N, C-alpha and C. Protein backbone atom coordinates (compact mmCIF):
# COMPACT_ATOMS: atom_id res chain seq x y z
N UNK A 1 26.73 -54.60 21.31
CA UNK A 1 26.43 -53.64 22.34
C UNK A 1 27.37 -52.44 21.98
N UNK A 2 26.56 -51.48 22.00
CA UNK A 2 27.09 -50.00 21.70
C UNK A 2 28.18 -49.49 22.69
N UNK A 3 29.32 -48.95 22.08
CA UNK A 3 30.29 -48.58 23.15
C UNK A 3 30.74 -46.93 22.75
N UNK A 4 30.22 -46.63 21.63
CA UNK A 4 30.40 -45.12 21.18
C UNK A 4 29.38 -44.29 21.82
N UNK A 5 29.67 -42.98 21.90
CA UNK A 5 28.91 -42.00 22.49
C UNK A 5 27.82 -41.58 21.42
N UNK A 6 26.65 -40.98 21.74
CA UNK A 6 25.76 -40.36 20.90
C UNK A 6 26.38 -39.46 19.89
N UNK A 7 27.14 -38.62 20.32
CA UNK A 7 27.75 -37.52 19.65
C UNK A 7 28.52 -38.26 18.41
N UNK A 8 29.17 -39.25 18.59
CA UNK A 8 29.95 -39.95 17.59
C UNK A 8 29.01 -40.66 16.65
N UNK A 9 27.91 -41.19 17.25
CA UNK A 9 26.89 -41.91 16.39
C UNK A 9 26.25 -41.07 15.38
N UNK A 10 26.16 -40.02 15.62
CA UNK A 10 25.68 -38.94 14.65
C UNK A 10 26.21 -38.92 13.41
N UNK A 11 27.39 -39.42 12.97
CA UNK A 11 28.04 -39.50 11.80
C UNK A 11 27.58 -40.65 10.96
N UNK A 12 26.58 -41.26 11.36
CA UNK A 12 25.97 -42.43 10.53
C UNK A 12 26.48 -43.75 10.88
N UNK A 13 27.56 -43.92 11.85
CA UNK A 13 28.05 -45.17 12.14
C UNK A 13 28.12 -45.32 13.77
N UNK A 14 28.13 -46.47 14.30
CA UNK A 14 28.13 -46.81 15.62
C UNK A 14 29.23 -47.84 15.90
N UNK A 15 30.02 -47.58 16.90
CA UNK A 15 31.16 -48.55 17.42
C UNK A 15 30.47 -49.46 18.28
N UNK A 16 30.47 -50.81 17.95
CA UNK A 16 30.02 -51.90 18.89
C UNK A 16 30.94 -52.72 19.25
N UNK A 17 30.75 -53.46 20.36
CA UNK A 17 31.55 -54.55 20.96
C UNK A 17 30.62 -55.90 20.98
N UNK A 18 31.46 -56.83 20.54
CA UNK A 18 30.72 -58.29 20.24
C UNK A 18 30.16 -58.85 21.66
N UNK A 19 29.07 -59.33 21.45
CA UNK A 19 28.45 -60.18 22.74
C UNK A 19 28.18 -61.60 22.12
N UNK A 20 28.61 -62.44 22.69
CA UNK A 20 28.61 -63.87 22.23
C UNK A 20 28.04 -64.94 23.36
N UNK A 21 27.52 -65.94 22.89
CA UNK A 21 27.08 -66.95 23.87
C UNK A 21 28.27 -67.47 24.80
N UNK A 22 27.98 -67.66 26.06
CA UNK A 22 29.07 -68.22 27.04
C UNK A 22 29.53 -69.61 26.66
N UNK A 23 28.80 -70.27 25.99
CA UNK A 23 29.10 -71.67 25.60
C UNK A 23 30.28 -71.79 24.46
N UNK A 24 30.54 -70.78 23.79
CA UNK A 24 31.63 -70.76 22.86
C UNK A 24 32.92 -70.67 23.47
N UNK A 25 34.03 -70.99 22.74
CA UNK A 25 35.41 -71.03 23.50
C UNK A 25 35.58 -69.59 24.05
N UNK A 26 36.48 -69.55 25.16
CA UNK A 26 36.87 -68.51 25.87
C UNK A 26 37.86 -67.74 25.13
N UNK A 27 37.83 -66.53 25.35
CA UNK A 27 38.89 -65.51 24.73
C UNK A 27 39.40 -64.75 25.94
N UNK A 28 40.64 -64.37 25.90
CA UNK A 28 41.27 -63.61 27.07
C UNK A 28 40.56 -62.08 27.14
N UNK A 29 40.02 -61.90 28.33
CA UNK A 29 39.34 -60.64 28.45
C UNK A 29 37.91 -60.69 28.48
N UNK A 30 37.41 -61.96 28.13
CA UNK A 30 35.91 -62.01 28.16
C UNK A 30 35.39 -61.57 29.54
N UNK A 31 34.05 -60.88 29.51
CA UNK A 31 33.47 -60.54 30.60
C UNK A 31 32.09 -61.07 30.73
N UNK A 32 31.87 -62.01 31.74
CA UNK A 32 30.61 -62.83 31.68
C UNK A 32 29.57 -61.59 32.03
N UNK A 33 28.40 -61.72 31.41
CA UNK A 33 27.38 -60.80 31.69
C UNK A 33 26.58 -61.56 32.76
N UNK A 34 26.51 -60.87 34.01
CA UNK A 34 25.68 -61.55 35.14
C UNK A 34 24.27 -61.48 35.03
N UNK A 35 23.75 -60.39 34.43
CA UNK A 35 22.22 -60.11 34.33
C UNK A 35 21.87 -60.11 32.74
N UNK A 36 21.86 -61.24 32.06
CA UNK A 36 21.64 -61.40 30.76
C UNK A 36 20.38 -61.00 30.29
N UNK A 37 19.25 -61.29 31.17
CA UNK A 37 17.86 -60.98 30.89
C UNK A 37 17.62 -59.49 30.86
N UNK A 38 18.29 -58.64 31.74
CA UNK A 38 18.13 -57.04 31.60
C UNK A 38 18.71 -56.65 30.22
N UNK A 39 19.78 -57.33 29.81
CA UNK A 39 20.43 -56.87 28.64
C UNK A 39 19.41 -57.44 27.36
N UNK A 40 18.44 -58.09 27.44
CA UNK A 40 17.74 -58.57 26.43
C UNK A 40 18.06 -59.80 25.77
N UNK A 41 18.93 -60.53 26.49
CA UNK A 41 19.51 -61.89 25.93
C UNK A 41 18.81 -62.92 26.62
N UNK A 42 18.69 -64.01 25.69
CA UNK A 42 17.94 -65.26 26.17
C UNK A 42 18.70 -66.22 26.95
N UNK A 43 20.14 -66.14 26.96
CA UNK A 43 21.00 -67.17 27.67
C UNK A 43 22.23 -66.38 28.06
N UNK A 44 22.90 -66.96 28.92
CA UNK A 44 24.09 -66.47 29.46
C UNK A 44 25.04 -66.03 28.27
N UNK A 45 25.66 -64.90 28.41
CA UNK A 45 26.56 -64.36 27.40
C UNK A 45 27.86 -63.82 27.85
N UNK A 46 28.83 -63.49 27.18
CA UNK A 46 29.95 -62.82 27.39
C UNK A 46 30.27 -61.70 26.53
N UNK A 47 30.74 -60.37 27.11
CA UNK A 47 31.07 -59.35 26.21
C UNK A 47 32.70 -59.56 25.83
N UNK A 48 32.89 -59.59 24.64
CA UNK A 48 34.38 -59.86 23.95
C UNK A 48 34.83 -58.60 23.36
N UNK A 49 36.03 -58.38 23.65
CA UNK A 49 36.80 -57.21 22.95
C UNK A 49 37.10 -57.40 21.51
N UNK A 50 36.03 -57.28 20.87
CA UNK A 50 36.13 -57.48 19.29
C UNK A 50 35.28 -56.22 18.81
N UNK A 51 35.81 -55.11 18.43
CA UNK A 51 35.12 -53.96 18.24
C UNK A 51 34.93 -53.94 16.65
N UNK A 52 33.74 -53.28 16.37
CA UNK A 52 33.46 -53.22 14.82
C UNK A 52 32.45 -51.89 14.88
N UNK A 53 32.39 -51.36 13.48
CA UNK A 53 31.49 -50.25 13.26
C UNK A 53 30.40 -50.91 12.47
N UNK A 54 29.25 -50.12 12.67
CA UNK A 54 27.98 -50.57 11.94
C UNK A 54 27.12 -49.39 11.48
N UNK A 55 26.76 -49.43 10.25
CA UNK A 55 25.93 -48.36 9.72
C UNK A 55 24.80 -48.27 10.52
N UNK A 56 24.38 -47.21 10.87
CA UNK A 56 23.11 -46.82 11.82
C UNK A 56 21.86 -47.44 11.15
N UNK A 57 21.75 -47.43 9.83
CA UNK A 57 20.44 -47.90 9.37
C UNK A 57 20.39 -49.42 9.48
N UNK A 58 21.50 -50.20 9.77
CA UNK A 58 21.28 -51.54 10.19
C UNK A 58 21.01 -51.84 11.50
N UNK A 59 20.84 -50.86 12.51
CA UNK A 59 20.53 -51.08 13.76
C UNK A 59 18.93 -51.09 13.84
N UNK A 60 18.29 -52.11 14.17
CA UNK A 60 16.85 -52.19 14.06
C UNK A 60 16.01 -51.93 15.38
N UNK A 61 16.57 -52.28 16.48
CA UNK A 61 16.03 -52.06 17.71
C UNK A 61 16.84 -52.23 18.85
N UNK A 62 16.50 -51.74 20.02
CA UNK A 62 17.22 -51.85 21.29
C UNK A 62 16.82 -53.12 21.87
N UNK A 63 17.72 -53.97 22.35
CA UNK A 63 17.39 -55.25 22.82
C UNK A 63 17.22 -55.12 24.35
N UNK A 64 18.09 -54.30 24.97
CA UNK A 64 18.00 -54.22 26.53
C UNK A 64 19.07 -53.28 26.91
N UNK A 65 19.53 -53.46 28.15
CA UNK A 65 20.55 -52.47 28.73
C UNK A 65 21.34 -53.26 29.79
N UNK A 66 22.54 -53.23 29.73
CA UNK A 66 23.39 -53.87 30.67
C UNK A 66 23.16 -53.42 32.06
N UNK A 67 23.28 -54.19 33.01
CA UNK A 67 23.10 -53.83 34.47
C UNK A 67 24.28 -52.88 34.76
N UNK A 68 24.21 -52.10 35.76
CA UNK A 68 25.39 -51.16 36.12
C UNK A 68 26.77 -52.14 36.48
N UNK A 69 26.55 -53.19 37.12
CA UNK A 69 27.60 -54.03 37.46
C UNK A 69 28.31 -54.56 36.06
N UNK A 70 27.47 -55.09 35.17
CA UNK A 70 27.94 -55.55 33.90
C UNK A 70 28.69 -54.40 33.03
N UNK A 71 27.92 -53.24 33.17
CA UNK A 71 28.46 -51.99 32.40
C UNK A 71 29.86 -51.80 32.92
N UNK A 72 29.98 -51.79 34.29
CA UNK A 72 31.11 -51.40 34.87
C UNK A 72 32.35 -52.37 34.58
N UNK A 73 32.17 -53.62 34.43
CA UNK A 73 33.02 -54.82 34.01
C UNK A 73 33.34 -54.57 32.74
N UNK A 74 32.42 -54.41 31.87
CA UNK A 74 32.77 -54.27 30.38
C UNK A 74 33.76 -52.92 30.13
N UNK A 75 33.27 -51.89 30.80
CA UNK A 75 34.09 -50.64 30.62
C UNK A 75 35.66 -50.77 31.18
N UNK A 76 35.83 -51.57 32.31
CA UNK A 76 37.08 -51.77 32.86
C UNK A 76 37.85 -52.55 31.85
N UNK A 77 37.21 -53.61 31.24
CA UNK A 77 37.96 -54.55 30.47
C UNK A 77 38.27 -53.82 29.16
N UNK A 78 37.41 -53.05 28.63
CA UNK A 78 37.63 -52.34 27.30
C UNK A 78 38.73 -51.36 27.49
N UNK A 79 38.84 -50.63 28.63
CA UNK A 79 39.77 -49.74 28.86
C UNK A 79 41.20 -50.47 29.08
N UNK A 80 41.27 -51.51 29.84
CA UNK A 80 42.47 -52.28 29.95
C UNK A 80 43.02 -52.76 28.60
N UNK A 81 42.12 -53.28 27.66
CA UNK A 81 42.54 -53.79 26.29
C UNK A 81 42.98 -52.65 25.44
N UNK A 82 42.45 -51.38 25.64
CA UNK A 82 42.89 -50.42 24.75
C UNK A 82 44.05 -49.35 25.10
N UNK A 83 44.01 -49.10 26.45
CA UNK A 83 45.12 -48.23 27.03
C UNK A 83 46.29 -49.00 27.43
């Protein structure tokens, strides 16, 4: 999931946050995604505060978009983890 702004992404890299299947072991701060189908995911997943950068050339397509409620939950959790 992309968490950086478009202006930052123009430098050739994008900051992303991990999304993983909900069946895996839980991690503190996981945010269950309520509407996984809108996000283009086939099964229930969680957003996990594991950030990484990825070269834009490796991003092949947009899978979907988080619902407003899921986006707000991820934003709150990311803010709490960093600030």
